[in-house]
Structures are given as structure tokens and as C-alpha cells.
Protein backbone atom coordinates (compact mmCIF):
# COMPACT_ATOMS: atom_id res chain seq x y z
CA MET A 1 81.61 121.04 89.78
CA ASN A 2 78.57 120.18 87.67
CA ILE A 3 79.25 116.63 86.56
CA GLU A 4 76.50 116.56 83.94
CA ILE A 5 78.01 119.60 82.23
CA LEU A 6 81.49 118.04 82.31
CA LYS A 7 80.15 114.87 80.69
CA SER A 8 78.40 116.82 77.95
CA GLN A 9 81.48 118.93 77.21
CA LEU A 10 83.71 115.87 76.94
CA LYS A 11 81.40 114.17 74.44
CA CYS A 12 81.24 117.27 72.26
CA GLU A 13 85.02 117.64 72.22
CA LEU A 14 85.63 113.97 71.41
CA ASP A 15 83.01 114.04 68.64
CA LYS A 16 84.93 116.89 67.01
CA ASN A 17 88.47 115.61 67.60
CA ASP A 18 89.58 111.98 67.29
CA LYS A 19 93.10 112.51 68.66
CA TYR A 20 92.44 111.22 72.18
CA ARG A 21 89.51 108.87 71.62
CA GLU A 22 91.74 105.86 72.31
CA MET A 23 92.11 107.12 75.89
CA LEU A 24 88.37 106.93 76.60
CA PHE A 25 87.59 103.82 78.68
CA ARG A 26 90.99 102.43 77.66
CA ARG A 27 91.20 98.65 78.09
CA GLY A 28 87.52 98.62 78.99
CA TYR A 29 85.00 95.85 78.44
CA LEU A 30 81.22 95.47 78.42
CA LEU A 31 79.22 92.23 78.63
CA THR A 32 75.51 92.45 77.91
CA ASP A 33 72.54 90.46 76.68
CA THR A 34 71.58 93.27 74.30
CA LYS A 35 73.30 93.91 70.97
CA LEU A 36 74.53 97.48 70.67
CA GLU A 37 73.16 99.09 67.54
CA ASN A 38 76.11 101.36 66.80
CA ILE A 39 79.66 101.10 68.13
CA SER A 40 81.07 103.65 65.70
CA ASN A 41 79.84 106.63 67.71
CA TYR A 42 80.49 107.89 71.25
CA PRO A 43 81.63 106.30 73.51
CA PHE A 44 83.04 103.50 71.32
CA TYR A 45 84.24 105.32 68.18
CA SER A 46 84.89 102.05 66.29
CA LEU A 47 87.67 101.17 68.74
CA TRP A 48 85.81 98.23 70.30
CA SER A 49 85.32 94.67 69.00
CA GLU A 50 82.14 92.60 69.32
CA THR A 51 82.16 88.90 70.20
CA ILE A 52 79.00 86.81 70.52
CA ILE A 53 79.09 84.14 73.25
CA ASN A 54 75.91 82.06 73.58
CA ASN A 55 73.17 84.69 74.06
CA PHE A 56 75.53 87.43 75.22
CA TYR A 57 77.58 90.13 73.54
CA LEU A 58 81.09 90.98 74.69
CA TYR A 59 82.53 94.36 73.70
CA VAL A 60 86.23 95.01 74.34
CA GLN A 61 88.33 98.14 73.73
CA LYS A 62 91.19 97.57 71.30
CA GLU A 63 93.97 97.96 73.89
CA GLN A 64 92.51 95.24 76.13
CA THR A 65 93.27 91.55 75.68
CA PHE A 66 90.61 88.86 76.05
CA TYR A 67 90.42 85.12 75.52
CA VAL A 68 87.43 82.84 74.89
CA GLN A 69 87.38 79.05 74.87
CA THR A 70 84.20 77.01 74.42
CA ARG A 71 83.43 73.37 75.10
CA GLY A 72 79.86 72.33 74.43
CA ASN A 73 77.54 74.92 75.94
CA VAL A 74 80.17 76.26 78.38
CA SER A 75 82.47 79.15 77.54
CA SER A 76 85.37 80.38 79.65
CA VAL A 77 86.41 84.02 79.24
CA ILE A 78 89.44 85.88 80.60
CA ILE A 79 89.52 89.65 80.14
CA GLY A 80 92.94 91.10 80.97
CA HIS A 81 95.80 88.74 81.75
CA ALA A 82 96.40 85.73 84.00
CA TYR A 83 99.27 83.40 84.81
CA ASN A 84 99.65 80.48 87.19
CA PRO A 85 102.77 80.36 89.43
CA PHE A 86 101.79 76.86 90.62
CA ASN A 87 102.02 75.12 87.23
CA MET A 88 103.82 77.90 85.25
CA MET A 89 101.00 78.20 82.72
CA TYR A 90 100.77 81.68 81.18
CA ASP A 91 98.83 81.13 77.95
CA GLU A 92 95.31 82.37 78.73
CA ASN A 93 93.68 80.11 76.15
CA GLU A 94 95.18 77.08 77.88
CA ILE A 95 94.11 78.50 81.24
CA CYS A 96 90.55 78.91 79.91
CA GLN A 97 90.51 75.23 78.94
CA GLU A 98 91.71 74.26 82.43
CA LEU A 99 88.98 76.41 83.94
CA ILE A 100 86.28 74.67 81.90
CA THR A 101 87.55 71.29 83.08
CA SER A 102 87.56 72.48 86.69
CA TYR A 103 84.08 73.99 86.33
CA LYS A 104 82.67 70.69 85.08
CA ASN A 105 84.00 69.11 88.30
CA GLY A 106 82.04 71.51 90.51
CA LEU A 107 82.20 75.09 91.74
CA ASN A 108 84.58 74.36 94.62
CA THR A 109 87.08 72.78 92.22
CA TYR A 110 86.60 75.66 89.79
CA PHE A 111 87.24 78.42 92.32
CA ASP A 112 90.22 76.54 93.74
CA LYS A 113 91.74 76.68 90.25
CA VAL A 114 90.79 80.36 89.91
CA SER A 115 92.61 81.02 93.19
CA GLU A 116 95.88 79.75 91.70
CA LEU A 117 95.89 82.59 89.17
CA THR A 118 97.85 85.82 89.39
CA GLY A 119 97.24 88.92 87.28
CA LEU A 120 94.69 91.63 86.66
CA HIS A 121 91.59 90.11 85.15
CA ILE A 122 87.92 89.29 85.06
CA ILE A 123 87.18 85.58 84.73
CA ILE A 124 83.78 84.55 83.41
CA ILE A 125 81.98 81.27 82.85
CA ILE A 126 78.99 81.41 80.51
CA ASP A 127 76.94 78.25 80.85
CA GLY A 128 73.89 78.55 78.63
CA ASP A 129 72.04 81.60 79.94
CA GLU A 130 73.91 81.70 83.27
CA ILE A 131 76.97 83.83 83.97
CA ILE A 132 79.49 83.34 86.78
CA ALA A 133 81.99 86.21 87.04
CA CYS A 134 84.82 86.91 89.46
CA GLN A 135 87.92 89.09 89.62
CA ASP A 136 91.62 88.82 90.39
CA ALA A 137 92.51 88.13 94.03
CA CYS A 138 92.26 91.74 95.30
CA SER A 139 89.46 92.72 92.87
CA LEU A 140 91.69 95.33 91.24
CA THR A 141 90.02 94.92 87.84
CA GLY A 142 86.63 96.57 87.91
CA CYS A 143 83.45 94.51 87.72
CA TYR A 144 80.40 96.75 87.94
CA PHE A 145 77.00 95.31 87.14
CA GLY A 146 73.35 96.20 86.86
CA LYS A 147 70.12 95.97 84.90
CA VAL A 148 68.93 99.02 83.00
CA LYS A 149 65.70 98.99 80.99
CA ASN A 150 65.52 95.18 81.11
CA SER A 151 69.08 94.73 79.81
CA MET A 152 71.95 93.35 81.90
CA TYR A 153 75.42 94.85 81.90
CA ILE A 154 78.81 93.98 83.39
CA SER A 155 81.63 96.46 82.83
CA GLU A 156 84.90 97.79 84.22
CA HIS A 157 83.45 101.30 83.97
CA PRO A 158 80.04 102.16 85.45
CA GLN A 159 80.34 105.42 83.56
CA LEU A 160 80.22 103.51 80.28
CA ILE A 161 76.85 102.01 81.20
CA ALA A 162 75.69 105.44 82.38
CA ASP A 163 76.70 106.98 79.04
CA LEU A 164 74.58 104.46 77.14
CA TYR A 165 71.46 105.38 79.10
CA ASP A 166 72.12 108.95 80.28
CA LEU A 167 71.95 107.82 83.89
CA THR A 168 71.99 110.51 86.57
CA ILE A 169 74.53 110.46 89.39
CA ASP A 170 73.14 109.66 92.84
CA PRO A 171 72.78 113.05 94.63
CA MET A 172 74.33 111.61 97.82
CA VAL A 173 77.39 110.43 95.89
CA GLU A 174 77.75 113.84 94.27
CA LYS A 175 77.43 115.53 97.66
CA LEU A 176 80.11 113.24 99.12
CA VAL A 177 82.56 113.72 96.25
CA GLU A 178 82.15 117.50 96.35
CA SER A 179 82.52 117.72 100.14
CA LYS A 180 85.74 119.10 101.60
CA CYS A 181 86.20 115.97 103.71
CA TYR A 182 86.19 113.52 100.79
CA ASN A 183 89.82 114.00 99.76
CA ILE A 184 90.94 113.37 103.37
CA GLY A 185 90.77 109.64 102.91
CA ASN A 186 90.95 106.98 100.25
CA ARG A 187 88.57 108.54 97.70
CA HIS A 188 86.24 105.66 97.10
CA LEU A 189 82.54 105.10 97.68
CA PRO A 190 80.94 103.20 100.58
CA GLY A 191 80.31 99.47 100.27
CA ASN A 192 79.61 98.32 96.74
CA LEU A 193 78.09 101.60 95.58
CA SER A 194 78.82 103.21 92.24
CA PRO A 195 77.89 106.79 91.32
CA TYR A 196 74.65 105.38 89.88
CA LYS A 197 71.88 103.69 91.83
CA GLU A 198 71.32 101.24 88.98
CA ILE A 199 74.90 99.89 89.15
CA LYS A 200 76.81 98.08 91.91
CA ARG A 201 80.42 96.88 92.31
CA LEU A 202 81.65 93.31 92.80
CA GLY A 203 84.48 92.82 95.29
CA ALA A 204 87.20 90.37 96.26
CA ASN A 205 86.46 86.73 97.17
CA THR A 206 82.88 86.93 95.93
CA TYR A 207 81.38 86.10 92.56
CA LEU A 208 78.53 87.36 90.48
CA ASP A 209 75.87 84.83 89.55
CA TYR A 210 73.55 86.00 86.79
CA ASN A 211 70.53 83.95 85.82
CA LYS A 212 67.85 86.45 84.78
CA ASP A 213 68.95 88.52 87.78
CA PHE A 214 72.17 89.27 89.68
CA THR A 215 73.21 87.66 92.96
CA ILE A 216 76.48 88.14 94.85
CA LYS A 217 77.83 84.96 96.45
CA ARG A 218 80.97 84.26 98.48
CA PHE A 219 83.40 81.57 97.32
CA TYR A 220 86.35 82.25 99.66
CA PRO A 221 87.28 81.38 102.33
CA ILE A 222 85.55 78.04 102.74
CA ALA A 223 87.83 76.79 105.54
CA PRO A 224 90.30 78.14 108.11
CA HIS A 225 93.73 79.09 106.83
CA PRO A 226 96.80 77.25 108.20
CA GLU A 227 98.55 78.72 111.23
CA PHE A 228 102.33 78.53 111.10
CA VAL A 229 103.64 78.09 114.64
CA THR A 230 106.91 76.17 114.56
CA ASP A 231 110.17 77.52 113.16
CA GLU A 232 110.15 74.67 110.66
CA GLU A 233 106.69 75.63 109.36
CA LYS A 234 107.66 79.27 109.10
CA SER A 235 110.93 78.58 107.31
CA GLU A 236 109.28 76.19 104.87
CA ASN A 237 106.55 78.66 103.96
CA VAL A 238 108.86 81.67 103.68
CA LYS A 239 110.58 79.65 100.96
CA ARG A 240 107.26 78.61 99.44
CA ILE A 241 106.02 82.21 99.17
CA GLY A 242 109.32 83.43 97.76
CA ASP A 243 109.43 80.65 95.17
CA LEU A 244 105.82 81.24 94.09
CA ILE A 245 106.40 84.97 93.67
CA HIS A 246 109.53 84.14 91.66
CA ASN A 247 107.48 81.75 89.49
CA GLY A 248 104.98 84.49 88.74
CA ILE A 249 107.77 86.89 87.81
CA GLU A 250 109.24 84.22 85.53
CA CYS A 251 105.85 83.81 83.83
CA CYS A 252 105.86 87.56 83.16
CA SER A 253 109.35 87.39 81.65
CA LYS A 254 108.16 84.71 79.22
CA LYS A 255 104.83 86.33 78.45
CA TRP A 256 105.92 89.88 77.55
CA ASN A 257 108.93 91.37 75.77
CA ARG A 258 109.53 94.78 77.35
CA CYS A 259 109.26 93.92 81.05
CA THR A 260 110.02 96.36 83.84
CA ILE A 261 109.80 96.47 87.63
CA SER A 262 108.88 99.80 89.20
CA LEU A 263 110.77 100.32 92.43
CA SER A 264 110.68 102.30 95.63
CA GLY A 265 112.56 101.81 98.87
CA GLY A 266 109.50 100.24 100.50
CA THR A 267 109.00 96.72 101.81
CA ASP A 268 106.61 95.50 99.10
CA SER A 269 108.85 96.73 96.29
CA LYS A 270 112.03 95.28 97.81
CA THR A 271 110.31 91.90 98.23
CA THR A 272 109.37 91.77 94.55
CA LEU A 273 112.90 92.77 93.53
CA ALA A 274 114.47 90.09 95.74
CA CYS A 275 112.13 87.44 94.32
CA ALA A 276 113.20 88.38 90.78
CA ASN A 277 116.70 87.07 91.52
CA GLY A 278 117.88 84.84 88.68
CA LEU A 279 115.76 86.81 86.20
CA TYR A 280 117.35 90.24 86.54
CA ASP A 281 118.53 90.29 82.91
CA LYS A 282 114.92 89.87 81.74
CA PHE A 283 113.78 93.18 83.25
CA THR A 284 114.54 96.87 83.36
CA TYR A 285 114.10 98.92 86.53
CA PHE A 286 112.69 102.39 87.07
CA SER A 287 111.36 104.84 89.61
CA PHE A 288 109.66 108.20 89.20
CA TYR A 289 108.89 111.24 91.21
CA SER A 290 105.93 113.46 90.45
CA LYS A 291 106.23 115.44 93.68
CA PRO A 292 109.22 116.19 95.93
CA GLN A 293 108.18 113.67 98.63
CA GLU A 294 108.60 110.79 96.16
CA LEU A 295 112.25 111.58 95.47
CA VAL A 296 113.41 109.92 98.72
CA ASP A 297 111.82 106.63 97.64
CA ALA A 298 113.27 106.92 94.15
CA LYS A 299 116.79 107.51 95.49
CA GLY A 300 116.38 104.53 97.82
CA ALA A 301 115.48 102.35 94.84
CA LYS A 302 118.60 103.49 92.99
CA THR A 303 120.77 102.64 96.01
CA ILE A 304 119.38 99.09 95.99
CA CYS A 305 119.89 98.72 92.23
CA ASP A 306 123.48 99.93 92.59
CA LYS A 307 124.04 97.25 95.24
CA LEU A 308 122.71 94.62 92.81
CA ASN A 309 124.60 96.08 89.80
CA LEU A 310 121.30 96.78 88.03
CA SER A 311 120.78 99.76 85.74
CA HIS A 312 118.11 102.07 87.16
CA THR A 313 116.12 104.76 85.34
CA LEU A 314 114.68 107.71 87.23
CA TYR A 315 111.83 109.56 85.55
CA GLU A 316 111.31 113.14 86.65
CA ILE A 317 107.65 113.79 85.93
CA PRO A 318 106.94 117.38 84.82
CA GLN A 319 106.08 119.46 87.86
CA GLU A 320 103.64 121.84 86.16
CA ASN A 321 100.45 121.12 84.22
CA SER A 322 101.55 123.62 81.57
CA GLU A 323 104.45 121.29 80.68
CA ILE A 324 102.00 118.59 79.53
CA LYS A 325 100.34 119.08 76.16
CA ASP A 326 96.52 119.16 76.34
CA PHE A 327 96.64 118.44 80.07
CA ASP A 328 93.20 119.90 80.83
CA PHE A 329 91.48 117.85 78.14
CA ILE A 330 93.16 114.57 79.09
CA LYS A 331 92.26 115.28 82.72
CA LYS A 332 88.60 115.43 81.66
CA ILE A 333 88.95 112.01 80.02
CA LEU A 334 90.51 110.53 83.16
CA GLN A 335 87.79 112.03 85.34
CA HIS A 336 85.24 110.36 83.07
CA ASN A 337 87.10 107.03 83.01
CA THR A 338 87.24 107.03 86.83
CA ASN A 339 83.54 107.79 87.13
CA TYR A 340 83.93 111.25 88.69
CA PHE A 341 84.63 109.99 92.20
CA VAL A 342 88.39 109.30 92.29
CA ASN A 343 89.47 112.96 92.23
CA LEU A 344 92.95 112.24 90.92
CA ALA A 345 95.62 114.73 91.97
CA ASP A 346 97.22 116.68 89.13
CA ASN A 347 100.66 115.19 89.81
CA GLU A 348 99.17 111.69 89.36
CA ILE A 349 97.57 112.71 86.07
CA ARG A 350 100.85 114.21 84.84
CA LYS A 351 102.56 110.91 85.67
CA TYR A 352 100.00 108.84 83.78
CA ILE A 353 100.20 111.05 80.69
CA TYR A 354 104.01 111.00 80.79
CA LEU A 355 104.15 107.19 80.95
CA HIS A 356 101.54 106.96 78.18
CA ASP A 357 103.59 109.21 75.92
CA ILE A 358 106.98 107.50 76.41
CA ASN A 359 105.42 104.06 75.77
CA ALA A 360 108.54 102.34 77.07
CA TYR A 361 107.16 99.06 78.45
CA ASP A 362 104.78 96.20 77.67
CA ILE A 363 104.29 95.28 81.34
CA GLU A 364 105.19 96.87 84.66
CA LEU A 365 105.44 94.76 87.82
CA LYS A 366 103.99 96.51 90.86
CA SER A 367 103.98 95.31 94.44
CA TRP A 368 101.31 96.87 96.65
CA ALA A 369 98.94 93.88 96.77
CA SER A 370 101.10 92.46 99.57
CA GLU A 371 99.92 95.27 101.88
CA VAL A 372 96.99 92.95 102.61
CA ALA A 373 99.26 90.89 104.87
CA ARG A 374 101.06 93.71 106.69
CA VAL A 375 98.54 94.72 109.41
CA PHE A 376 98.24 98.15 107.85
CA LEU A 377 95.58 99.67 110.12
CA GLU A 378 97.41 98.98 113.37
CA ARG A 379 100.66 100.33 111.97
CA LYS A 380 98.93 103.45 110.71
CA TYR A 381 96.89 104.32 113.79
CA GLN A 382 99.40 102.85 116.27
CA THR A 383 96.57 101.48 118.34
CA LYS A 384 94.82 98.16 118.85
CA ILE A 385 92.00 97.77 116.34
CA PRO A 386 88.83 95.94 117.52
CA LYS A 387 88.60 92.26 116.61
CA ILE A 388 85.25 92.89 114.94
CA LEU A 389 84.76 95.95 112.75
CA ASN A 390 81.33 97.45 112.26
CA GLU A 391 79.89 99.74 109.61
CA ARG A 392 81.16 102.84 111.42
CA HIS A 393 84.76 101.63 111.31
CA CYS A 394 84.40 101.06 107.57
CA SER A 395 83.05 104.58 107.09
CA ILE A 396 85.80 106.23 109.14
CA PHE A 397 88.61 104.25 107.50
CA GLN A 398 87.25 105.35 104.11
CA THR A 399 86.60 109.08 104.61
CA ARG A 400 87.08 111.53 107.48
CA TYR A 401 83.53 112.86 107.63
CA PHE A 402 84.39 116.14 109.36
CA GLY A 403 81.23 118.20 109.72
CA HIS A 404 79.03 115.90 107.62
CA PRO A 405 76.92 113.77 109.99
CA LYS A 406 74.26 113.09 107.34
CA LEU A 407 76.84 111.74 104.91
CA LEU A 408 78.37 109.65 107.70
CA ARG A 409 75.00 108.05 108.53
CA TRP A 410 74.40 107.39 104.83
CA SER A 411 77.82 105.71 104.59
CA ASP A 412 77.13 103.65 107.72
CA LYS A 413 73.90 102.36 106.20
CA ALA A 414 75.63 101.43 102.94
CA TYR A 415 78.35 99.50 104.78
CA TYR A 416 75.84 97.83 107.11
CA ASN A 417 73.98 96.40 104.10
CA PHE A 418 77.16 95.59 102.18
CA LEU A 419 78.84 93.66 105.01
CA ARG A 420 75.77 91.47 105.35
CA GLU A 421 75.35 90.98 101.64
CA ILE A 422 78.90 89.60 101.34
CA LYS A 423 78.69 87.84 104.73
CA LEU A 424 81.57 89.80 106.26
CA GLU A 425 79.80 91.34 109.27
CA LYS A 426 81.91 89.08 111.48
CA PRO A 427 85.23 87.22 111.08
CA LEU A 428 85.30 84.23 108.75
CA TYR A 429 86.90 81.14 110.31
CA ASN A 430 90.28 82.19 111.73
CA PHE A 431 90.81 85.12 109.36
CA GLU A 432 91.30 88.33 111.33
CA HIS A 433 88.45 90.71 110.59
CA THR A 434 90.83 93.62 109.99
CA ASP A 435 92.77 91.54 107.44
CA SER A 436 89.56 90.68 105.61
CA PHE A 437 88.50 94.33 105.71
CA TYR A 438 91.81 95.48 104.27
CA TRP A 439 91.78 92.79 101.59
CA GLU A 440 88.19 93.01 100.45
CA ILE A 441 87.21 96.62 101.18
CA ARG A 442 90.22 98.91 101.57
CA MET A 443 92.37 97.28 98.89
CA GLY A 444 89.47 96.43 96.59
CA CYS A 445 87.51 99.69 96.74
CA TRP A 446 90.60 101.89 96.52
CA GLY A 447 92.73 99.68 94.28
CA VAL A 448 90.13 99.16 91.56
CA SER A 449 89.98 102.91 90.93
CA VAL A 450 93.77 103.23 90.94
CA VAL A 451 94.17 100.42 88.42
CA SER A 452 91.37 101.84 86.27
CA SER A 453 93.15 105.20 86.09
CA GLN A 454 96.48 103.49 85.32
CA GLN A 455 94.95 101.83 82.25
CA LEU A 456 95.90 105.06 80.45
CA TYR A 457 99.46 103.81 80.00
CA HIS A 458 101.24 100.43 79.70
CA ARG A 459 99.92 97.27 81.34
CA THR A 460 100.61 96.59 84.98
CA THR A 461 100.60 93.37 86.98
CA MET A 462 101.29 92.31 90.57
CA PRO A 463 103.02 88.98 91.24
CA MET A 464 101.63 89.01 94.79
CA ASN A 465 98.02 89.53 93.66
CA ASN A 466 97.26 85.84 94.13
CA ARG A 467 94.71 84.44 96.57
CA LYS A 468 96.73 81.38 97.61
CA ILE A 469 99.90 83.43 98.10
CA LEU A 470 98.05 85.99 100.21
CA GLU A 471 96.61 83.18 102.34
CA LEU A 472 100.13 81.89 102.99
CA PHE A 473 101.15 85.37 104.16
CA LEU A 474 98.12 85.56 106.47
CA SER A 475 99.02 82.19 108.00
CA PHE A 476 101.98 83.76 109.80
CA PRO A 477 101.46 85.22 113.30
CA HIS A 478 99.96 88.70 113.53
CA ASP A 479 102.96 90.38 115.17
CA GLU A 480 105.43 88.91 112.68
CA ARG A 481 103.39 90.28 109.81
CA LYS A 482 103.03 93.66 111.53
CA SER A 483 106.81 93.99 112.00
CA ASP A 484 107.43 92.98 108.35
CA SER A 485 109.41 90.00 109.61
CA VAL A 486 107.83 87.74 106.99
CA HIS A 487 108.71 90.01 104.08
CA LYS A 488 112.25 90.49 105.39
CA ARG A 489 112.78 86.73 105.67
CA ILE A 490 111.57 86.30 102.08
CA MET A 491 114.06 88.95 100.95
CA GLU A 492 116.89 87.26 102.83
CA TYR A 493 115.97 83.91 101.28
CA LYS A 494 115.69 85.15 97.69
CA ASN A 495 118.44 87.80 97.65
CA LYS A 496 120.19 88.91 100.82
CA ASP A 497 121.88 91.78 98.93
CA VAL A 498 118.53 93.61 98.89
CA VAL A 499 118.53 93.58 102.69
CA ASP A 500 122.24 94.37 102.87
CA ALA A 501 121.66 97.56 100.86
CA LYS A 502 120.21 98.85 104.16
CA VAL A 503 117.58 101.04 102.54
CA GLU A 504 114.78 101.71 105.01
CA ILE A 505 112.37 104.45 103.99
CA PRO A 506 110.23 105.50 106.97
CA ASN A 507 106.58 106.03 106.15
CA LEU A 508 106.34 109.68 107.15
CA TYR A 509 102.61 109.54 106.48
CA PHE A 510 102.17 107.34 109.56
CA HIS A 511 103.73 109.99 111.81
CA SER A 512 102.29 113.16 110.36
CA TYR A 513 100.05 115.76 111.95
CA ARG A 514 97.28 114.51 109.66
CA ILE A 515 97.46 111.01 111.15
CA TRP A 516 97.32 112.50 114.65
CA MET A 517 94.11 114.33 113.71
CA GLU A 518 92.69 111.21 112.07
CA LYS A 519 93.34 109.17 115.23
CA ILE A 520 91.39 111.71 117.30
CA PHE A 521 88.52 111.60 114.81
CA TYR A 522 88.63 107.80 114.73
CA LYS A 523 88.32 107.63 118.53
CA MET A 524 85.54 110.21 118.68
CA ARG A 525 83.43 108.61 115.98
CA THR A 526 83.85 104.94 116.97
CA VAL A 527 84.16 104.71 120.77
CA PHE A 528 80.63 105.94 121.43
CA TYR A 529 79.03 104.41 118.34
CA ARG A 530 76.55 101.60 118.92
CA ALA A 531 76.69 99.15 116.07
CA LYS A 532 73.41 98.20 114.47
CA LYS A 533 72.12 94.72 115.14
């Protein structure tokens, strides 16, 4: 795979044919201090708007929503969508005004207000020549940044910045992506790397401070989280979490017209469905299967919907690329949009194109942000994970570097620097290090690419992608989170019929031959590794 050739071919084809231009960097944005001379040509094709804010220029693709409110010299910007389950506010212009008020009362007050927000978004304060930018709770909306030829850029797509300046992909990144081991893992890059040395990625619970240059700073956590010990505390906060998730779902029902909840038979999905109780008539419900293994989940979702007397739609995604018109060309666009390192499987691409073409929904509620609280690594590897993770653990959890010691050392170095830059080389307060890793690295690095690829079709949101809600989950004891006791109690509180449907889909991935091999590799590569000081 010669990436430079692929990029050149795509540009030539889009220049000749305008049919699929709207798919290029769909719902993208670009914030810069330099006015773009021509947004009628590649890669913008007159599909992007320009907004001037103080001394900066904001460019947004036509399918993306953005909101700007200004008071004096301070502007608040939301790109994407946001809603507040604590005060039921879902008008982003009103939220921007609240954020300005909070900002004027200090950064701690400002970020506390930011942490109340659910959605998929970038939130920016522009105060004179200074920029403060942060993401949604799990950093699922991309925020890549860098300076190129004395101009600053912040964008969802590093590839967009690269296209403007013909940047060359880092040879080590290209070697990793083309290696046979890369797809045995989560298909993301180490630390905060992008494919280009000039561009880095912002992650969860940190913010970008720009004042002539970029600095990454941490804003969360600033104190220990609560620890729920008594039955009374646990019961009270099960109800609190369930009610807050319900509030977020209600905000969605008021904010959009064609609302749907995508369902599987899994714990996260069932929790969202239970919390929608009382709002079921505001939503439709669907599942899909793009490969045979997904059919079990889809059938489980239908069983639950039958129990709740809800109509359920099952989409059978075409099983062959030949069944999708212009599949190969659209695949090239998605490869470009995902910066040539996500390596989407063909069945995923077929699914995205199918959902784009049917255009059935304004918003889809997804659920996987709550994995942050479910002690994923221990359940997957069925072993005790060290209390402090080092750079080698991060590398191994990302990619199984079979036969690539040089790439492994390169990854270790990237994670070593990254953990120290974001001050996560050791546990923060009473937050378990593995929870912080899963939240800020595993979920953020992997999830941002997934969400970016899903921008091809209708909007998605996650009612559990909320910093304060996730903190409440993490305040329950480790073993109760690992056993899914917390999620099950929320389901029982919000709608016991979901539990009574008795749909339990075992995660076969956790018991496969592949996991057995990964556990051996994990032991080999971590037990004898001496962490750098």
C-alpha cells in the first residue's frame, strides 16, 4: 500500500466527479489563525462555511453543526452537539452562554460546567488571542492540533491539515500500519501520535491551551472520587445514575425528530434501553448484522424488544462488496477520512454506506462509553492487572507486536513521553490506573477513530458519555463493576422487564483462541520488562 499514491488518486477522482464530495471529511471542522485562500477546491469543494472569531477562522463542513456565542472579547464555541442531563438544557447557544459565565468565574468553575455535558463535541473558548479547547468526556470527537509553516491548526482530521500542506506520513507510522501485527489489536497509534510528525492528538480529561504555542494541560480529576461503601450509598447512586442517563435520553427526544436506539444483547445497550423507560414512544429501535457473528446479538435485541412490546427493525447489511454501488471508491474516501491508520474492515464499510444511503434517522443513541466503568482489561485477560501500568502495558494493549521489536520499542517511547505529558504515569488520587488507562487511552484512541468513520452516516450520541456520570460509576467497588452488578441494578431500577427478558450474550471474544494467544504474549512482553524511570 503506497499511501501517497492513494491520496493522489482520490484527489484526481474527486476533482472529476462531484457525486461523493460530501463524504470527504464529513462533519469535519478546522480552526486556524490563517485565512484559507480558496475553499472551492479540494478538499473543501465549496461545502464548508467560514466564520471569523476574533483573530481566528473557523471552517465547518456543511453536515456539521456549530454554535458561537460572544460576550465582550470572549467567545464560546461548540462544534457537534451537547446537552446537560443535570439541568435539562439542550440548546447549544444557551449552553455556550452558560459556559462564558462559568469561564469568567475561573477555570475550575468552567471545567466543572463542561463536565456536566453529554454528547459528541469540541468545546472552545476564544479569549482574545488565547484558545482553550477540550472534548466530550471520552474524547470521541477528534481534536488534532499542530503548527505548520507558522500557522496553527486544530481539526477533527489530521489528514485535512496534511492535505493543505502535502505533509508526508511518518515512516514509522506507515511501517506499523502495514505490518501484519497491526490488525491484531485496536488499530490506533501510540500515545498522542498522528500519522504526521507535525500533528498531535488531544485526549480525554485534558485541554489544549494555545497562546502563540500549544500546551496540553490536565483539568480532571482535581480531587478523589467518592467511594460508595454502604448499601444506602449504593442504592442512592444507582438511582442517580439511572435518572441522569434517562435525563440525557429525554434531552435527545426533545432535540431531534427521528430518534433511534441501536441495540444489541449486551450490558451497555440493555442499560440504555432500560433508562429510556417512559420515553419509548419517542424512539425507534434497530439492530444490524454485517457478519454472521453479529446475528446472535441482533436476535437478542429483538427478544428484549418483544418483551417490552417495542417494534424492532433488523437490518441485514449486504454481505458482499459487489452489492454496494461504488464500494471501492467510497472505501478510498473512508480510508482518507480516517487518516490511513484505522484499516476498517470491509463489512464495517458496507454497514456505514448502507446506513448513509437509507438515511432513516437524525440521531442514533449508542452505549459503549459505559465500558469505561466495567473493568474491561481484567475481564478480557482473566488475570490481575498491575496497579500501575507502564509504557509497555500501553503498547501491548494497543497492538500485538509479534516479530516487530523495533516497532515495540518505538511504541514504548511514545507512550513513555505521552503518559508524562498528560501526568498519567501513576494513578491520580483514588482512580484506579487501569480505569484511567481505559478511559483516556483505550477508549479515546480507539473511539475517536470509530466515531470519525461513523460520521459518514446519521449523527450518533452516547447518553453515558458524560464525565460526572462516569465518575459515579467508578465510585462503586471494583468487583461490583467487574461483575456488571452496577449496570444490572440500574436496569432493575429503570425497567425490570429488560432484566426479565433473560438475554445474556456471552462475549465469545473473551474466550477465543486469539485471547489465549494474546495472554501468552502479554505475559512474555510485560513480566520481564523493566519500566523506564
